C-alpha atoms as a PDB file:
ATOM      1  CA  UNK A   1     164.209  94.648  20.581  1.00  0.00           C
ATOM      2  CA  UNK A   2     164.746  95.738  17.035  1.00  0.00           C
ATOM      3  CA  UNK A   3     166.209  93.526  14.267  1.00  0.00           C
ATOM      4  CA  UNK A   4     167.088  93.856  10.611  1.00  0.00           C
ATOM      5  CA  UNK A   5     168.371  90.839   8.722  1.00  0.00           C
ATOM      6  CA  UNK A   6     169.521  89.766   5.226  1.00  0.00           C
ATOM      7  CA  UNK A   7     168.704  86.432   3.652  1.00  0.00           C
ATOM      8  CA  UNK A   8     170.953  83.363   3.209  1.00  0.00           C
ATOM      9  CA  UNK A   9     171.662  81.922  -0.173  1.00  0.00           C
ATOM     10  CA  UNK A  10     172.744  78.272  -0.432  1.00  0.00           C
ATOM     11  CA  UNK A  11     175.657  77.301  -2.753  1.00  0.00           C
ATOM     12  CA  UNK A  12     175.880  73.739  -4.001  1.00  0.00           C
ATOM     13  CA  UNK A  13     178.992  71.607  -3.610  1.00  0.00           C
ATOM     14  CA  UNK A  14     180.370  68.478  -5.171  1.00  0.00           C
ATOM     15  CA  UNK A  15     180.440  64.798  -4.393  1.00  0.00           C
ATOM     16  CA  UNK A  16     180.068  61.358  -5.858  1.00  0.00           C
ATOM     17  CA  UNK A  17     177.642  59.316  -3.699  1.00  0.00           C
ATOM     18  CA  UNK A  18     173.917  59.902  -3.726  1.00  0.00           C
ATOM     19  CA  UNK A  19     172.084  59.278  -0.490  1.00  0.00           C
ATOM     20  CA  UNK A  20     169.919  56.130  -0.489  1.00  0.00           C
ATOM     21  CA  UNK A  21     167.732  56.824   2.521  1.00  0.00           C
ATOM     22  CA  UNK A  22     166.649  59.864   4.557  1.00  0.00           C
ATOM     23  CA  UNK A  23     168.875  59.079   7.549  1.00  0.00           C
ATOM     24  CA  UNK A  24     170.998  61.973   8.728  1.00  0.00           C
ATOM     25  CA  UNK A  25     173.833  61.969  11.306  1.00  0.00           C
ATOM     26  CA  UNK A  26     174.301  65.348  13.048  1.00  0.00           C
ATOM     27  CA  UNK A  27     177.621  65.787  14.794  1.00  0.00           C
ATOM     28  CA  UNK A  28     177.671  68.773  17.175  1.00  0.00           C
ATOM     29  CA  UNK A  29     180.899  70.328  18.420  1.00  0.00           C
ATOM     30  CA  UNK A  30     179.406  71.275  21.780  1.00  0.00           C
ATOM     31  CA  UNK A  31     176.985  69.699  24.290  1.00  0.00           C
ATOM     32  CA  UNK A  32     173.241  69.241  24.867  1.00  0.00           C
ATOM     33  CA  UNK A  33     171.935  72.113  26.883  1.00  0.00           C
ATOM     34  CA  UNK A  34     174.246  74.692  25.362  1.00  0.00           C
ATOM     35  CA  UNK A  35     171.992  77.414  23.902  1.00  0.00           C
ATOM     36  CA  UNK A  36     173.676  77.807  20.511  1.00  0.00           C
ATOM     37  CA  UNK A  37     173.765  74.061  19.962  1.00  0.00           C
ATOM     38  CA  UNK A  38     170.193  73.485  21.159  1.00  0.00           C
ATOM     39  CA  UNK A  39     168.797  76.238  18.903  1.00  0.00           C
ATOM     40  CA  UNK A  40     170.785  75.094  15.864  1.00  0.00           C
ATOM     41  CA  UNK A  41     169.742  71.441  16.379  1.00  0.00           C
ATOM     42  CA  UNK A  42     166.102  72.324  16.883  1.00  0.00           C
ATOM     43  CA  UNK A  43     166.145  74.287  13.620  1.00  0.00           C
ATOM     44  CA  UNK A  44     167.670  71.406  11.742  1.00  0.00           C
ATOM     45  CA  UNK A  45     165.151  68.926  13.203  1.00  0.00           C
ATOM     46  CA  UNK A  46     162.231  71.225  12.254  1.00  0.00           C
ATOM     47  CA  UNK A  47     163.359  71.513   8.689  1.00  0.00           C
ATOM     48  CA  UNK A  48     164.182  67.842   8.171  1.00  0.00           C
ATOM     49  CA  UNK A  49     160.842  66.706   9.718  1.00  0.00           C
ATOM     50  CA  UNK A  50     159.254  67.949   6.468  1.00  0.00           C
ATOM     51  CA  UNK A  51     161.071  65.182   4.516  1.00  0.00           C
ATOM     52  CA  UNK A  52     160.580  62.518   7.242  1.00  0.00           C
ATOM     53  CA  UNK A  53     164.317  62.236   7.815  1.00  0.00           C
ATOM     54  CA  UNK A  54     165.534  60.151  10.693  1.00  0.00           C
ATOM     55  CA  UNK A  55     168.103  62.151  12.638  1.00  0.00           C
ATOM     56  CA  UNK A  56     170.741  60.815  14.963  1.00  0.00           C
ATOM     57  CA  UNK A  57     172.509  63.475  17.029  1.00  0.00           C
ATOM     58  CA  UNK A  58     175.934  63.201  18.678  1.00  0.00           C
ATOM     59  CA  UNK A  59     177.916  65.693  20.801  1.00  0.00           C
ATOM     60  CA  UNK A  60     181.685  66.253  21.034  1.00  0.00           C
ATOM     61  CA  UNK A  61     181.396  68.507  24.123  1.00  0.00           C
ATOM     62  CA  UNK A  62     184.445  70.628  23.183  1.00  0.00           C
ATOM     63  CA  UNK A  63     183.445  73.749  25.048  1.00  0.00           C
ATOM     64  CA  UNK A  64     183.981  71.897  28.303  1.00  0.00           C
ATOM     65  CA  UNK A  65     186.790  69.551  27.219  1.00  0.00           C
ATOM     66  CA  UNK A  66     189.134  70.138  24.308  1.00  0.00           C
ATOM     67  CA  UNK A  67     188.946  67.511  21.518  1.00  0.00           C
ATOM     68  CA  UNK A  68     192.585  66.705  22.103  1.00  0.00           C
ATOM     69  CA  UNK A  69     191.675  65.274  25.463  1.00  0.00           C
ATOM     70  CA  UNK A  70     188.649  63.222  24.292  1.00  0.00           C
ATOM     71  CA  UNK A  71     189.222  62.114  20.732  1.00  0.00           C
ATOM     72  CA  UNK A  72     190.942  58.946  21.749  1.00  0.00           C
ATOM     73  CA  UNK A  73     187.681  57.513  23.138  1.00  0.00           C
ATOM     74  CA  UNK A  74     185.155  59.501  21.040  1.00  0.00           C
ATOM     75  CA  UNK A  75     186.399  58.089  17.748  1.00  0.00           C
ATOM     76  CA  UNK A  76     186.038  54.400  18.701  1.00  0.00           C
ATOM     77  CA  UNK A  77     182.611  55.038  20.141  1.00  0.00           C
ATOM     78  CA  UNK A  78     181.429  56.828  16.985  1.00  0.00           C
ATOM     79  CA  UNK A  79     182.937  54.216  14.702  1.00  0.00           C
ATOM     80  CA  UNK A  80     181.233  51.409  16.634  1.00  0.00           C
ATOM     81  CA  UNK A  81     177.859  53.120  16.504  1.00  0.00           C
ATOM     82  CA  UNK A  82     177.837  54.633  13.031  1.00  0.00           C
ATOM     83  CA  UNK A  83     180.389  53.222  10.642  1.00  0.00           C
ATOM     84  CA  UNK A  84     178.073  50.441   9.456  1.00  0.00           C
ATOM     85  CA  UNK A  85     175.074  52.780   8.927  1.00  0.00           C
ATOM     86  CA  UNK A  86     174.548  54.322   5.509  1.00  0.00           C
ATOM     87  CA  UNK A  87     173.532  57.946   5.952  1.00  0.00           C
ATOM     88  CA  UNK A  88     172.170  60.248   3.291  1.00  0.00           C
ATOM     89  CA  UNK A  89     174.349  63.023   4.766  1.00  0.00           C
ATOM     90  CA  UNK A  90     176.348  63.947   7.767  1.00  0.00           C
ATOM     91  CA  UNK A  91     175.707  67.404   9.167  1.00  0.00           C
ATOM     92  CA  UNK A  92     178.473  68.829  11.303  1.00  0.00           C
ATOM     93  CA  UNK A  93     177.977  71.886  13.414  1.00  0.00           C
ATOM     94  CA  UNK A  94     180.818  74.315  14.301  1.00  0.00           C
ATOM     95  CA  UNK A  95     184.544  74.175  13.707  1.00  0.00           C
ATOM     96  CA  UNK A  96     185.595  71.319  15.976  1.00  0.00           C
ATOM     97  CA  UNK A  97     183.103  68.897  14.404  1.00  0.00           C
ATOM     98  CA  UNK A  98     184.266  69.925  10.916  1.00  0.00           C
ATOM     99  CA  UNK A  99     187.851  69.298  11.902  1.00  0.00           C
ATOM    100  CA  UNK A 100     186.909  65.954  13.402  1.00  0.00           C
ATOM    101  CA  UNK A 101     184.970  64.783  10.336  1.00  0.00           C
ATOM    102  CA  UNK A 102     187.665  66.066   7.938  1.00  0.00           C
ATOM    103  CA  UNK A 103     190.146  63.755   9.569  1.00  0.00           C
ATOM    104  CA  UNK A 104     187.864  60.694  10.045  1.00  0.00           C
ATOM    105  CA  UNK A 105     185.144  60.809   7.391  1.00  0.00           C
ATOM    106  CA  UNK A 106     186.815  58.041   5.330  1.00  0.00           C
ATOM    107  CA  UNK A 107     186.277  55.683   8.253  1.00  0.00           C
ATOM    108  CA  UNK A 108     183.128  57.083   9.876  1.00  0.00           C
ATOM    109  CA  UNK A 109     181.121  57.998   6.765  1.00  0.00           C
ATOM    110  CA  UNK A 110     182.979  57.077   3.538  1.00  0.00           C
ATOM    111  CA  UNK A 111     181.660  58.577   0.313  1.00  0.00           C
ATOM    112  CA  UNK A 112     178.897  60.370   2.315  1.00  0.00           C
ATOM    113  CA  UNK A 113     178.113  64.068   1.648  1.00  0.00           C
ATOM    114  CA  UNK A 114     179.178  66.282   4.454  1.00  0.00           C
ATOM    115  CA  UNK A 115     177.195  69.480   5.217  1.00  0.00           C
ATOM    116  CA  UNK A 116     178.784  71.872   7.624  1.00  0.00           C
ATOM    117  CA  UNK A 117     177.393  74.936   9.436  1.00  0.00           C
ATOM    118  CA  UNK A 118     178.407  77.366  12.210  1.00  0.00           C
ATOM    119  CA  UNK A 119     181.911  77.600  10.693  1.00  0.00           C
ATOM    120  CA  UNK A 120     183.915  80.628  11.810  1.00  0.00           C
ATOM    121  CA  UNK A 121     186.061  82.135   9.029  1.00  0.00           C
ATOM    122  CA  UNK A 122     185.938  79.219   6.624  1.00  0.00           C
ATOM    123  CA  UNK A 123     188.839  78.523   4.296  1.00  0.00           C
ATOM    124  CA  UNK A 124     189.318  75.683   1.884  1.00  0.00           C
ATOM    125  CA  UNK A 125     192.112  74.313   4.035  1.00  0.00           C
ATOM    126  CA  UNK A 126     189.437  73.275   6.505  1.00  0.00           C
ATOM    127  CA  UNK A 127     188.322  70.466   4.176  1.00  0.00           C
ATOM    128  CA  UNK A 128     190.344  67.910   2.324  1.00  0.00           C
ATOM    129  CA  UNK A 129     187.874  66.752  -0.309  1.00  0.00           C
ATOM    130  CA  UNK A 130     185.813  69.475  -1.973  1.00  0.00           C
ATOM    131  CA  UNK A 131     183.835  66.821  -3.784  1.00  0.00           C
ATOM    132  CA  UNK A 132     182.075  65.740  -0.632  1.00  0.00           C
ATOM    133  CA  UNK A 133     181.723  68.927   1.379  1.00  0.00           C
ATOM    134  CA  UNK A 134     179.281  71.816   1.233  1.00  0.00           C
ATOM    135  CA  UNK A 135     177.882  74.083   3.870  1.00  0.00           C
ATOM    136  CA  UNK A 136     177.274  77.352   5.622  1.00  0.00           C
ATOM    137  CA  UNK A 137     179.698  79.913   6.992  1.00  0.00           C
ATOM    138  CA  UNK A 138     178.929  81.589  10.282  1.00  0.00           C
ATOM    139  CA  UNK A 139     179.562  85.291   9.757  1.00  0.00           C
ATOM    140  CA  UNK A 140     179.997  87.621  12.699  1.00  0.00           C
ATOM    141  CA  UNK A 141     180.675  91.265  12.219  1.00  0.00           C
ATOM    142  CA  UNK A 142     182.771  93.062  14.829  1.00  0.00           C
ATOM    143  CA  UNK A 143     183.156  96.070  12.455  1.00  0.00           C
ATOM    144  CA  UNK A 144     179.485  96.619  12.171  1.00  0.00           C
ATOM    145  CA  UNK A 145     179.044  96.135  15.882  1.00  0.00           C
ATOM    146  CA  UNK A 146     181.714  98.822  16.460  1.00  0.00           C
ATOM    147  CA  UNK A 147     179.825 101.175  14.187  1.00  0.00           C
ATOM    148  CA  UNK A 148     176.673 100.543  16.328  1.00  0.00           C
ATOM    149  CA  UNK A 149     178.693 101.361  19.409  1.00  0.00           C
ATOM    150  CA  UNK A 150     179.817 104.634  17.867  1.00  0.00           C
ATOM    151  CA  UNK A 151     176.318 105.511  16.823  1.00  0.00           C
ATOM    152  CA  UNK A 152     174.871 104.874  20.270  1.00  0.00           C
ATOM    153  CA  UNK A 153     177.741 106.453  22.093  1.00  0.00           C
ATOM    154  CA  UNK A 154     179.241 109.402  20.193  1.00  0.00           C
ATOM    155  CA  UNK A 155     181.829 110.139  22.951  1.00  0.00           C
ATOM    156  CA  UNK A 156     183.224 106.595  22.856  1.00  0.00           C
ATOM    157  CA  UNK A 157     186.931 106.661  23.552  1.00  0.00           C
ATOM    158  CA  UNK A 158     187.844 102.959  24.160  1.00  0.00           C
ATOM    159  CA  UNK A 159     186.547  99.533  23.242  1.00  0.00           C
ATOM    160  CA  UNK A 160     187.646  96.486  25.236  1.00  0.00           C
ATOM    161  CA  UNK A 161     187.355  93.193  23.381  1.00  0.00           C
ATOM    162  CA  UNK A 162     186.860  90.059  25.507  1.00  0.00           C
ATOM    163  CA  UNK A 163     187.722  86.588  24.196  1.00  0.00           C
ATOM    164  CA  UNK A 164     188.599  83.217  25.646  1.00  0.00           C
ATOM    165  CA  UNK A 165     191.175  80.613  24.548  1.00  0.00           C
ATOM    166  CA  UNK A 166     188.751  78.137  22.918  1.00  0.00           C
ATOM    167  CA  UNK A 167     188.884  77.645  19.126  1.00  0.00           C
ATOM    168  CA  UNK A 168     185.966  80.063  18.680  1.00  0.00           C
ATOM    169  CA  UNK A 169     187.456  82.610  21.012  1.00  0.00           C
ATOM    170  CA  UNK A 170     190.787  82.551  19.189  1.00  0.00           C
ATOM    171  CA  UNK A 171     189.066  82.855  15.827  1.00  0.00           C
ATOM    172  CA  UNK A 172     186.891  85.768  16.924  1.00  0.00           C
ATOM    173  CA  UNK A 173     189.821  87.548  18.582  1.00  0.00           C
ATOM    174  CA  UNK A 174     191.759  87.320  15.242  1.00  0.00           C
ATOM    175  CA  UNK A 175     188.712  88.658  13.384  1.00  0.00           C
ATOM    176  CA  UNK A 176     188.400  91.587  15.848  1.00  0.00           C
ATOM    177  CA  UNK A 177     192.086  92.392  15.483  1.00  0.00           C
ATOM    178  CA  UNK A 178     191.689  92.373  11.665  1.00  0.00           C
ATOM    179  CA  UNK A 179     188.538  94.521  11.659  1.00  0.00           C
ATOM    180  CA  UNK A 180     189.418  96.959  14.438  1.00  0.00           C
ATOM    181  CA  UNK A 181     193.224  96.856  14.990  1.00  0.00           C
ATOM    182  CA  UNK A 182     194.519  98.800  17.996  1.00  0.00           C
ATOM    183  CA  UNK A 183     192.659 101.990  17.085  1.00  0.00           C
ATOM    184  CA  UNK A 184     189.729 102.733  14.842  1.00  0.00           C
ATOM    185  CA  UNK A 185     188.107 106.066  14.000  1.00  0.00           C
ATOM    186  CA  UNK A 186     189.833 107.674  16.919  1.00  0.00           C
ATOM    187  CA  UNK A 187     188.780 104.998  19.413  1.00  0.00           C
ATOM    188  CA  UNK A 188     191.426 102.928  21.281  1.00  0.00           C
ATOM    189  CA  UNK A 189     190.900  99.178  21.017  1.00  0.00           C
ATOM    190  CA  UNK A 190     192.244  96.901  23.760  1.00  0.00           C
ATOM    191  CA  UNK A 191     192.066  93.078  24.035  1.00  0.00           C
ATOM    192  CA  UNK A 192     191.474  90.931  27.094  1.00  0.00           C
ATOM    193  CA  UNK A 193     192.201  87.391  25.904  1.00  0.00           C
ATOM    194  CA  UNK A 194     192.220  84.071  27.770  1.00  0.00           C
ATOM    195  CA  UNK A 195     192.232  85.476  31.298  1.00  0.00           C
ATOM    196  CA  UNK A 196     190.975  83.944  34.482  1.00  0.00           C
ATOM    197  CA  UNK A 197     187.429  84.963  35.423  1.00  0.00           C
ATOM    198  CA  UNK A 198     188.791  86.875  38.449  1.00  0.00           C
ATOM    199  CA  UNK A 199     191.361  88.785  36.396  1.00  0.00           C
ATOM    200  CA  UNK A 200     188.834  89.564  33.666  1.00  0.00           C
ATOM    201  CA  UNK A 201     186.147  90.856  35.999  1.00  0.00           C
ATOM    202  CA  UNK A 202     188.637  92.827  37.906  1.00  0.00           C
ATOM    203  CA  UNK A 203     189.861  94.682  34.816  1.00  0.00           C
ATOM    204  CA  UNK A 204     186.327  95.251  33.459  1.00  0.00           C
ATOM    205  CA  UNK A 205     185.297  96.725  36.810  1.00  0.00           C
ATOM    206  CA  UNK A 206     187.694  99.656  36.370  1.00  0.00           C
ATOM    207  CA  UNK A 207     186.250 100.884  33.041  1.00  0.00           C
ATOM    208  CA  UNK A 208     184.737 104.320  32.515  1.00  0.00           C
ATOM    209  CA  UNK A 209     180.949 104.093  32.257  1.00  0.00           C
ATOM    210  CA  UNK A 210     180.812 107.060  29.828  1.00  0.00           C
ATOM    211  CA  UNK A 211     183.866 106.706  27.624  1.00  0.00           C
ATOM    212  CA  UNK A 212     184.342 102.922  27.469  1.00  0.00           C
ATOM    213  CA  UNK A 213     182.400  99.965  26.031  1.00  0.00           C
ATOM    214  CA  UNK A 214     182.959  96.215  25.945  1.00  0.00           C
ATOM    215  CA  UNK A 215     182.778  93.919  22.921  1.00  0.00           C
ATOM    216  CA  UNK A 216     182.127  90.395  24.132  1.00  0.00           C
ATOM    217  CA  UNK A 217     183.013  87.674  21.684  1.00  0.00           C
ATOM    218  CA  UNK A 218     182.921  84.464  23.688  1.00  0.00           C
ATOM    219  CA  UNK A 219     184.025  83.572  27.182  1.00  0.00           C
ATOM    220  CA  UNK A 220     183.137  79.979  27.745  1.00  0.00           C
ATOM    221  CA  UNK A 221     186.324  78.667  29.354  1.00  0.00           C
ATOM    222  CA  UNK A 222     188.713  80.817  31.396  1.00  0.00           C
ATOM    223  CA  UNK A 223     192.491  80.411  31.779  1.00  0.00           C
ATOM    224  CA  UNK A 224     191.994  78.048  34.710  1.00  0.00           C
ATOM    225  CA  UNK A 225     189.717  75.709  32.737  1.00  0.00           C
ATOM    226  CA  UNK A 226     186.500  76.791  34.408  1.00  0.00           C
ATOM    227  CA  UNK A 227     183.476  76.521  32.103  1.00  0.00           C
ATOM    228  CA  UNK A 228     180.639  79.011  31.692  1.00  0.00           C
ATOM    229  CA  UNK A 229     177.569  79.014  29.439  1.00  0.00           C
ATOM    230  CA  UNK A 230     177.231  81.977  27.041  1.00  0.00           C
ATOM    231  CA  UNK A 231     174.523  83.365  29.353  1.00  0.00           C
ATOM    232  CA  UNK A 232     176.479  82.933  32.554  1.00  0.00           C
ATOM    233  CA  UNK A 233     179.561  84.642  31.299  1.00  0.00           C
ATOM    234  CA  UNK A 234     177.550  87.537  29.804  1.00  0.00           C
ATOM    235  CA  UNK A 235     175.725  88.091  33.061  1.00  0.00           C
ATOM    236  CA  UNK A 236     178.966  88.009  35.066  1.00  0.00           C
ATOM    237  CA  UNK A 237     180.526  90.522  32.718  1.00  0.00           C
ATOM    238  CA  UNK A 238     177.636  92.925  32.462  1.00  0.00           C
ATOM    239  CA  UNK A 239     177.204  92.920  36.224  1.00  0.00           C
ATOM    240  CA  UNK A 240     180.961  93.518  36.826  1.00  0.00           C
ATOM    241  CA  UNK A 241     181.494  96.434  34.455  1.00  0.00           C
ATOM    242  CA  UNK A 242     179.897  99.880  34.612  1.00  0.00           C
ATOM    243  CA  UNK A 243     180.320 100.205  30.842  1.00  0.00           C
ATOM    244  CA  UNK A 244     177.800  98.968  28.234  1.00  0.00           C
ATOM    245  CA  UNK A 245     178.519  95.502  26.744  1.00  0.00           C
ATOM    246  CA  UNK A 246     177.850  94.645  23.116  1.00  0.00           C
ATOM    247  CA  UNK A 247     177.898  91.118  21.573  1.00  0.00           C
ATOM    248  CA  UNK A 248     178.018  89.185  18.300  1.00  0.00           C
ATOM    249  CA  UNK A 249     175.355  86.516  18.854  1.00  0.00           C
ATOM    250  CA  UNK A 250     171.647  86.714  19.594  1.00  0.00           C
ATOM    251  CA  UNK A 251     171.845  84.307  22.599  1.00  0.00           C
ATOM    252  CA  UNK A 252     173.351  87.266  24.577  1.00  0.00           C
ATOM    253  CA  UNK A 253     170.109  89.250  24.446  1.00  0.00           C
ATOM    254  CA  UNK A 254     168.401  89.253  27.837  1.00  0.00           C
ATOM    255  CA  UNK A 255     171.609  88.882  29.783  1.00  0.00           C
ATOM    256  CA  UNK A 256     172.429  92.589  30.121  1.00  0.00           C
ATOM    257  CA  UNK A 257     174.163  92.843  26.686  1.00  0.00           C
ATOM    258  CA  UNK A 258     172.966  95.940  24.896  1.00  0.00           C
ATOM    259  CA  UNK A 259     173.006  94.457  21.359  1.00  0.00           C
ATOM    260  CA  UNK A 260     175.157  94.341  18.225  1.00  0.00           C
ATOM    261  CA  UNK A 261     175.323  92.826  14.724  1.00  0.00           C
ATOM    262  CA  UNK A 262     174.369  89.334  15.836  1.00  0.00           C
ATOM    263  CA  UNK A 263     174.539  85.960  14.257  1.00  0.00           C
ATOM    264  CA  UNK A 264     171.654  83.410  14.755  1.00  0.00           C
ATOM    265  CA  UNK A 265     171.871  79.679  15.439  1.00  0.00           C
ATOM    266  CA  UNK A 266     168.403  79.155  13.998  1.00  0.00           C
ATOM    267  CA  UNK A 267     169.430  80.708  10.714  1.00  0.00           C
ATOM    268  CA  UNK A 268     172.528  78.531  10.522  1.00  0.00           C
ATOM    269  CA  UNK A 269     170.450  75.385  11.125  1.00  0.00           C
ATOM    270  CA  UNK A 270     167.807  76.300   8.593  1.00  0.00           C
ATOM    271  CA  UNK A 271     170.372  77.040   5.901  1.00  0.00           C
ATOM    272  CA  UNK A 272     172.244  73.774   6.506  1.00  0.00           C
ATOM    273  CA  UNK A 273     169.092  71.713   6.696  1.00  0.00           C
ATOM    274  CA  UNK A 274     167.941  73.060   3.315  1.00  0.00           C
ATOM    275  CA  UNK A 275     171.190  71.731   1.824  1.00  0.00           C
ATOM    276  CA  UNK A 276     170.565  68.392   3.400  1.00  0.00           C
ATOM    277  CA  UNK A 277     167.008  68.341   2.100  1.00  0.00           C
ATOM    278  CA  UNK A 278     168.311  69.004  -1.351  1.00  0.00           C
ATOM    279  CA  UNK A 279     170.584  65.996  -1.057  1.00  0.00           C
ATOM    280  CA  UNK A 280     167.765  63.790   0.207  1.00  0.00           C
ATOM    281  CA  UNK A 281     165.402  64.987  -2.496  1.00  0.00           C
ATOM    282  CA  UNK A 282     167.924  64.419  -5.242  1.00  0.00           C
ATOM    283  CA  UNK A 283     168.054  68.095  -6.167  1.00  0.00           C
ATOM    284  CA  UNK A 284     171.694  68.386  -5.059  1.00  0.00           C
ATOM    285  CA  UNK A 285     173.549  65.695  -6.974  1.00  0.00           C
ATOM    286  CA  UNK A 286     176.941  66.860  -5.708  1.00  0.00           C
ATOM    287  CA  UNK A 287     178.312  67.160  -9.269  1.00  0.00           C
ATOM    288  CA  UNK A 288     179.856  70.649  -8.957  1.00  0.00           C
ATOM    289  CA  UNK A 289     183.058  71.401  -7.083  1.00  0.00           C
ATOM    290  CA  UNK A 290     182.752  73.620  -4.078  1.00  0.00           C
ATOM    291  CA  UNK A 291     183.822  77.129  -4.958  1.00  0.00           C
ATOM    292  CA  UNK A 292     182.378  79.032  -2.012  1.00  0.00           C
ATOM    293  CA  UNK A 293     180.118  78.498   0.907  1.00  0.00           C
ATOM    294  CA  UNK A 294     176.643  79.883   1.743  1.00  0.00           C
ATOM    295  CA  UNK A 295     176.611  82.651   4.242  1.00  0.00           C
ATOM    296  CA  UNK A 296     173.932  83.494   6.725  1.00  0.00           C
ATOM    297  CA  UNK A 297     173.597  87.186   7.392  1.00  0.00           C
ATOM    298  CA  UNK A 298     174.030  88.596  10.856  1.00  0.00           C
ATOM    299  CA  UNK A 299     171.240  90.768  12.138  1.00  0.00           C
ATOM    300  CA  UNK A 300     171.307  94.172  13.814  1.00  0.00           C
ATOM    301  CA  UNK A 301     169.727  93.695  17.204  1.00  0.00           C
ATOM    302  CA  UNK A 302     169.573  95.877  20.299  1.00  0.00           C
ATOM    303  CA  UNK A 303     167.370  96.536  23.262  1.00  0.00           C
ATOM    304  CA  UNK A 304     165.519  99.787  23.546  1.00  0.00           C
END
């Protein structure tokens, strides 16, 4: 495997309340045992151990069940457990957790700095109080992955983009549409979005092994509601199609995916934890309004 990466640069945000103890609440969008979430959480824990922070970790499980179906019981549970605790910061991972805390931070963690990470295609509309929020944007790069496809396969004639109907899948499909359109550099671009597993694998099985390639964004939940881990869906797809499959995250390596410009959960966790450490250490006083977020660079990775 080869990799080349850039560095992340943190950007400070604003707020009014200084943390009084090194206790940190981490709110994950997904579930324990999911590879992205586990790697990101482990990275945060490793970095915060250096400042003896006490971490409490919660999971919203939105890959398997949409937040709209679970929020009515998750919110009372989280309020009962955490509303009376004074945290130095709340760290939220991925878009669903950010959306949840944006709507409920006044009750769950009033006047507490919020550090976000793993956010796909961040806009200021995703937060409602720039004086309390700072964080890290997750940057995937379908355009650079397409360039890698072209470099490795000069006779490429078609790229098929795969995405599910989850919030991440919808965001990544939009990004692929914006970066690639329906044709790019003489290559036709087609999209298979929110299909059943059977329909998806059936269509992928008809691809040309020489002229076609697949760009896998995410396929965690199919149109019937069936759930798959990142690794399960990648293996099913790579086994079903005769064409090479490229991806946007490093957890796909080792599943049959050839490579791509890939984002890293560990980098996201490290960048966000450094912001939390700055809050705990008093280096980030939250006096400056948020003007932009930090970005973690994606890495060019592929298997020989």
